[in-house]
Amino acid sequence: MPGIATLGPDDALLIIRMAWLYTLSRLLKSPHTAHLVPDFQALGPIIDAALERQRALDDASVIAKAARDGADGELDPLMWQIVNALLVVTKNDREDPHFVSYVGSQTPGEIIKTLLGAELVIAAEWVESLDQEADPMLQAFAKPLSLVVATGQGAEKDVKSTDKALSDFRLIGERKKVVDALNAARGGLLGALVKFQHENTHLRLPSDWPMSFFQHATKTAKYGETVEQAEASLARLAEETAAAQANLKALEEKAAEREAARATRAQAREKLAAVRKEAREKRQEQKALEAAAKKKL
């Protein structure tokens, strides 16, 4: 007799509950299995509690992602304001070391994205630079940007936390315990049904009677059951592979661009620091010369 299917971590909890409910319903309706109902029925509250827990975790994940999107909605316009202020200060010269020290080799549009991620990292770097600005217009952005960055970092942390909670719930938490408990109960029940059948041959139960208590899924060939279906499946997989490779290449190029932008920004900041130092020294020299020129003989 073939064994029953083992439920796994990829099976949704609702599907798992349906598998339990189907078997329970068969047990309740059979005239021979009343003695097997209580133990199997006891799994219901455990499954329902896991479903409630998953709902709470799913809700927390959605809320965290909404907060992250909200933080990005606050960050984007502020970043654009800072870029525009830099262009005012540098008289619209995008090659000016002052402008490059913030933007690097990227365009503002490449920095200010629809998701936080790398944009939040750059914004955090800008906070320190803005705080040290001599120009009051730029320095005024330091505090509001630091507040938005803190909000964004908190949102990113919450997203990672809720994602991990969902992963733990599925792989090592209540969900896994439910799957393990139901698999054990189903296996034990199958054994009990087979035993009952063997001990009650006078009932003349059909050979598949034990297996009839378990829901059977109709299995189909994963990649198709005809030549045409298999060819279509291969074509679809080829398209998905090409798309995945293109995505990987684009991500690698963006990562390289970010590294180049960081290097350009670092060089520009060094150059800007040298220019500012030279300017300070010239101002000091000018003051000294003016004092000497005004000194009474």
Protein backbone atom coordinates (compact mmCIF):
# COMPACT_ATOMS: atom_id res chain seq x y z
CA MET A 1 0.00 0.00 0.00
CA PRO A 2 1.47 3.37 -0.96
CA GLY A 3 2.08 5.85 1.84
CA ILE A 4 0.29 9.15 2.31
CA ALA A 5 1.88 12.40 1.16
CA THR A 6 4.07 14.19 3.69
CA LEU A 7 3.13 17.82 4.23
CA GLY A 8 6.08 20.22 4.01
CA PRO A 9 7.17 23.80 4.74
CA ASP A 10 6.06 24.95 1.30
CA ASP A 11 2.44 23.92 1.92
CA ALA A 12 0.26 26.86 2.97
CA LEU A 13 -1.35 26.64 6.39
CA LEU A 14 -4.83 26.85 4.86
CA ILE A 15 -4.00 23.86 2.65
CA ILE A 16 -2.69 22.03 5.70
CA ARG A 17 -5.90 22.80 7.59
CA MET A 18 -7.99 21.55 4.67
CA ALA A 19 -6.04 18.27 4.68
CA TRP A 20 -6.72 17.91 8.41
CA LEU A 21 -10.40 18.83 8.05
CA TYR A 22 -10.94 16.39 5.20
CA THR A 23 -9.58 13.48 7.22
CA LEU A 24 -11.47 14.55 10.34
CA SER A 25 -14.71 14.73 8.36
CA ARG A 26 -14.15 11.22 7.01
CA LEU A 27 -13.49 9.93 10.51
CA LEU A 28 -16.64 11.58 11.86
CA LYS A 29 -18.83 10.11 9.11
CA SER A 30 -17.45 6.58 9.14
CA PRO A 31 -19.36 4.07 11.31
CA HIS A 32 -16.10 2.38 12.30
CA THR A 33 -13.76 5.21 13.37
CA ALA A 34 -15.40 7.07 16.26
CA HIS A 35 -12.61 5.91 18.59
CA LEU A 36 -10.01 7.63 16.37
CA VAL A 37 -11.72 11.03 16.29
CA PRO A 38 -10.65 12.65 19.62
CA ASP A 39 -6.87 12.54 19.11
CA PHE A 40 -7.09 13.74 15.52
CA GLN A 41 -9.68 16.40 16.34
CA ALA A 42 -7.38 17.84 19.02
CA LEU A 43 -5.08 19.17 16.29
CA GLY A 44 -7.72 21.72 15.20
CA PRO A 45 -7.08 24.37 17.87
CA ILE A 46 -3.32 24.05 17.32
CA ILE A 47 -3.71 24.64 13.58
CA ASP A 48 -6.09 27.56 14.14
CA ALA A 49 -3.68 29.15 16.64
CA ALA A 50 -0.90 28.89 14.05
CA LEU A 51 -3.17 30.51 11.45
CA GLU A 52 -3.84 33.39 13.85
CA ARG A 53 -0.14 33.77 14.51
CA GLN A 54 0.61 33.81 10.79
CA ARG A 55 -2.08 36.45 10.23
CA ALA A 56 -0.50 38.63 12.92
CA LEU A 57 2.97 38.18 11.38
CA ASP A 58 1.65 38.92 7.89
CA ASP A 59 -0.04 42.07 9.19
CA ALA A 60 3.16 43.18 10.92
CA SER A 61 5.10 42.64 7.69
CA VAL A 62 2.66 44.74 5.66
CA ILE A 63 2.68 47.50 8.29
CA ALA A 64 6.50 47.56 8.35
CA LYS A 65 6.71 47.77 4.56
CA ALA A 66 4.10 50.55 4.53
CA ALA A 67 6.19 52.48 7.07
CA ARG A 68 9.28 51.99 4.90
CA ASP A 69 7.45 53.30 1.85
CA GLY A 70 6.23 56.26 3.92
CA ALA A 71 9.78 57.05 5.01
CA ASP A 72 10.91 56.92 1.40
CA GLY A 73 8.10 59.30 0.51
CA GLU A 74 9.51 61.78 3.03
CA LEU A 75 13.13 61.24 2.03
CA ASP A 76 12.83 61.67 -1.74
CA PRO A 77 11.59 65.30 -1.83
CA LEU A 78 14.09 66.31 0.86
CA MET A 79 16.96 64.81 -1.14
CA TRP A 80 15.81 66.72 -4.22
CA GLN A 81 15.71 69.96 -2.21
CA ILE A 82 19.29 69.35 -1.08
CA VAL A 83 20.41 68.67 -4.67
CA ASN A 84 18.75 71.89 -5.83
CA ALA A 85 20.39 73.82 -2.97
CA LEU A 86 23.78 72.41 -3.98
CA LEU A 87 23.18 73.58 -7.55
CA VAL A 88 22.37 77.06 -6.24
CA VAL A 89 25.55 77.13 -4.17
CA THR A 90 27.71 75.85 -7.05
CA LYS A 91 25.93 78.08 -9.60
CA ASN A 92 24.58 75.04 -11.43
CA ASP A 93 28.07 73.61 -11.96
CA ARG A 94 27.72 69.85 -11.67
CA GLU A 95 31.48 69.42 -12.01
CA ASP A 96 32.14 71.61 -8.96
CA PRO A 97 33.92 69.56 -6.26
CA HIS A 98 31.30 70.71 -3.78
CA PHE A 99 28.48 69.19 -5.83
CA VAL A 100 30.48 66.07 -6.71
CA SER A 101 31.34 65.53 -3.03
CA TYR A 102 27.65 64.74 -2.49
CA VAL A 103 26.49 63.20 -5.76
CA GLY A 104 29.67 61.56 -7.00
CA SER A 105 29.54 60.21 -10.55
CA GLN A 106 25.83 59.37 -10.34
CA THR A 107 22.97 61.55 -11.43
CA PRO A 108 20.53 62.68 -8.73
CA GLY A 109 17.90 60.45 -10.35
CA GLU A 110 20.16 57.43 -9.90
CA ILE A 111 20.52 58.21 -6.20
CA ILE A 112 16.92 59.06 -5.37
CA LYS A 113 15.10 55.77 -5.89
CA THR A 114 11.57 54.52 -5.26
CA LEU A 115 12.84 52.29 -2.44
CA LEU A 116 15.12 53.20 0.45
CA GLY A 117 18.06 50.78 0.23
CA ALA A 118 21.15 52.46 -1.19
CA GLU A 119 19.47 55.88 -1.11
CA LEU A 120 19.23 55.67 2.68
CA VAL A 121 22.95 54.87 2.93
CA ILE A 122 23.83 57.94 0.84
CA ALA A 123 21.39 60.12 2.80
CA ALA A 124 23.08 59.06 6.05
CA GLU A 125 26.45 60.13 4.58
CA TRP A 126 24.97 63.49 3.57
CA VAL A 127 23.86 64.21 7.15
CA GLU A 128 27.45 64.39 8.39
CA SER A 129 28.56 66.52 5.44
CA LEU A 130 25.63 68.93 5.78
CA ASP A 131 26.28 69.34 9.49
CA GLN A 132 29.81 70.57 8.69
CA GLU A 133 28.73 72.98 5.93
CA ALA A 134 29.67 76.62 6.25
CA ASP A 135 26.82 77.69 4.00
CA PRO A 136 23.75 78.19 6.23
CA MET A 137 21.34 77.15 3.46
CA LEU A 138 22.96 73.73 3.22
CA GLN A 139 23.58 73.35 6.94
CA ALA A 140 19.87 73.90 7.58
CA PHE A 141 19.13 70.58 5.88
CA ALA A 142 21.25 68.57 8.36
CA LYS A 143 18.67 68.23 11.12
CA PRO A 144 15.55 67.46 9.02
CA LEU A 145 17.55 64.95 6.96
CA SER A 146 18.90 63.25 10.10
CA LEU A 147 15.34 62.83 11.39
CA VAL A 148 14.08 61.32 8.15
CA VAL A 149 17.14 59.04 7.93
CA ALA A 150 16.49 57.81 11.48
CA THR A 151 12.88 57.07 10.55
CA GLY A 152 13.99 55.24 7.41
CA GLN A 153 16.59 53.20 9.27
CA GLY A 154 13.99 52.23 11.85
CA ALA A 155 11.59 51.20 9.08
CA GLU A 156 14.25 49.12 7.33
CA LYS A 157 15.06 47.43 10.65
CA ASP A 158 11.37 46.63 11.21
CA VAL A 159 11.04 45.14 7.71
CA LYS A 160 14.04 42.87 8.30
CA SER A 161 12.69 41.93 11.73
CA THR A 162 9.21 41.01 10.45
CA ASP A 163 10.68 39.10 7.51
CA LYS A 164 12.86 37.10 9.90
CA ALA A 165 9.91 36.46 12.21
CA LEU A 166 7.93 35.05 9.28
CA SER A 167 10.88 32.92 8.19
CA ASP A 168 11.42 31.59 11.72
CA PHE A 169 7.70 30.90 12.09
CA ARG A 170 7.77 28.84 8.91
CA LEU A 171 11.04 26.98 9.36
CA ILE A 172 11.47 26.50 13.12
CA GLY A 173 8.42 28.01 14.84
CA GLU A 174 4.73 27.23 15.33
CA ARG A 175 4.09 26.52 11.66
CA LYS A 176 6.75 23.84 11.50
CA LYS A 177 5.44 22.33 14.75
CA VAL A 178 1.94 22.16 13.25
CA VAL A 179 3.23 20.48 10.08
CA ASP A 180 5.29 17.99 12.09
CA ALA A 181 2.37 17.24 14.44
CA LEU A 182 -0.09 16.72 11.59
CA ASN A 183 2.33 14.52 9.64
CA ALA A 184 2.84 12.41 12.76
CA ALA A 185 -0.91 12.24 13.41
CA ARG A 186 -1.66 11.29 9.80
CA GLY A 187 1.01 8.58 9.86
CA GLY A 188 -0.27 7.21 13.16
CA LEU A 189 -3.86 7.32 11.93
CA LEU A 190 -2.99 5.42 8.77
CA GLY A 191 -1.39 2.72 10.89
CA ALA A 192 -4.46 2.57 13.14
CA LEU A 193 -6.79 2.29 10.14
CA VAL A 194 -4.72 -0.52 8.62
CA LYS A 195 -4.70 -2.31 11.98
CA PHE A 196 -8.47 -1.95 12.30
CA GLN A 197 -8.96 -3.32 8.81
CA HIS A 198 -6.79 -6.36 9.51
CA GLU A 199 -8.48 -7.05 12.82
CA ASN A 200 -11.97 -6.77 11.33
CA THR A 201 -11.82 -8.78 8.15
CA HIS A 202 -15.45 -9.74 8.65
CA LEU A 203 -16.41 -6.17 7.69
CA ARG A 204 -15.00 -6.83 4.22
CA LEU A 205 -13.62 -3.28 3.94
CA PRO A 206 -12.16 -2.43 0.51
CA SER A 207 -8.40 -2.68 0.11
CA ASP A 208 -8.03 1.09 -0.22
CA TRP A 209 -10.19 1.82 2.82
CA PRO A 210 -7.33 3.20 5.02
CA MET A 211 -6.06 5.49 2.26
CA SER A 212 -9.56 6.78 1.48
CA PHE A 213 -9.46 8.88 4.67
CA PHE A 214 -6.75 11.12 3.22
CA GLN A 215 -7.24 13.79 0.59
CA HIS A 216 -5.48 12.96 -2.66
CA ALA A 217 -4.07 15.64 -4.92
CA THR A 218 -4.10 15.02 -8.63
CA LYS A 219 -0.49 14.94 -9.74
CA THR A 220 0.55 16.19 -13.15
CA ALA A 221 3.92 16.16 -14.84
CA LYS A 222 5.83 19.23 -13.67
CA TYR A 223 7.03 20.16 -17.15
CA GLY A 224 4.04 18.96 -19.14
CA GLU A 225 2.51 15.70 -20.28
CA THR A 226 2.85 16.16 -24.02
CA VAL A 227 5.68 17.15 -26.36
CA GLU A 228 4.01 20.52 -26.95
CA GLN A 229 3.62 21.20 -23.23
CA ALA A 230 7.23 20.21 -22.56
CA GLU A 231 8.45 22.50 -25.36
CA ALA A 232 6.36 25.38 -24.00
CA SER A 233 7.69 24.72 -20.51
CA LEU A 234 11.29 24.78 -21.77
CA ALA A 235 10.66 28.03 -23.65
CA ARG A 236 9.18 29.61 -20.53
CA LEU A 237 12.13 28.48 -18.42
CA ALA A 238 14.56 29.85 -21.01
CA GLU A 239 12.80 33.23 -20.89
CA GLU A 240 12.87 33.25 -17.09
CA THR A 241 16.56 32.32 -17.08
CA ALA A 242 17.39 35.08 -19.55
CA ALA A 243 15.41 37.59 -17.48
CA ALA A 244 17.14 36.46 -14.28
CA GLN A 245 20.57 36.77 -15.92
CA ALA A 246 19.72 40.24 -17.22
CA ASN A 247 18.57 41.25 -13.75
CA LEU A 248 21.79 39.94 -12.20
CA LYS A 249 23.87 41.85 -14.75
CA ALA A 250 21.95 45.06 -14.08
CA LEU A 251 22.41 44.65 -10.32
CA GLU A 252 26.15 44.02 -10.78
CA GLU A 253 26.44 47.14 -12.96
CA LYS A 254 24.57 49.23 -10.38
CA ALA A 255 26.80 47.91 -7.62
CA ALA A 256 29.88 48.87 -9.65
CA GLU A 257 28.40 52.31 -10.32
CA ARG A 258 27.79 52.82 -6.60
CA GLU A 259 31.39 51.89 -5.82
CA ALA A 260 32.63 54.29 -8.51
CA ALA A 261 30.35 57.01 -7.14
CA ARG A 262 31.70 56.46 -3.62
CA ALA A 263 35.27 56.75 -4.91
CA THR A 264 34.43 59.91 -6.86
CA ARG A 265 32.72 61.44 -3.83
CA ALA A 266 35.69 60.60 -1.63
CA GLN A 267 38.11 62.25 -4.08
CA ALA A 268 35.87 65.30 -4.40
CA ARG A 269 35.62 65.65 -0.63
CA GLU A 270 39.41 65.53 -0.33
CA LYS A 271 39.71 68.15 -3.05
CA LEU A 272 37.00 70.27 -1.45
CA ALA A 273 38.74 70.08 1.93
CA ALA A 274 42.00 71.19 0.30
CA VAL A 275 40.23 74.08 -1.49
CA ARG A 276 38.57 75.19 1.76
CA LYS A 277 41.88 74.97 3.63
CA GLU A 278 43.59 77.04 0.96
CA ALA A 279 40.75 79.58 1.12
CA ARG A 280 41.06 79.84 4.91
CA GLU A 281 44.81 80.33 4.66
CA LYS A 282 44.33 83.06 2.02
CA ARG A 283 41.76 84.80 4.21
CA GLN A 284 44.15 84.67 7.15
CA GLU A 285 46.99 85.97 4.97
CA GLN A 286 44.71 88.74 3.67
CA LYS A 287 43.75 89.77 7.21
CA ALA A 288 47.40 89.79 8.23
CA LEU A 289 48.32 91.95 5.23
CA GLU A 290 45.41 94.32 5.89
CA ALA A 291 46.46 94.65 9.51
CA ALA A 292 50.04 95.34 8.49
CA ALA A 293 48.92 97.92 5.92
CA LYS A 294 46.80 99.73 8.50
CA LYS A 295 49.41 99.65 11.21
CA LYS A 296 50.56 103.13 12.23
CA LEU A 297 54.19 103.92 11.73
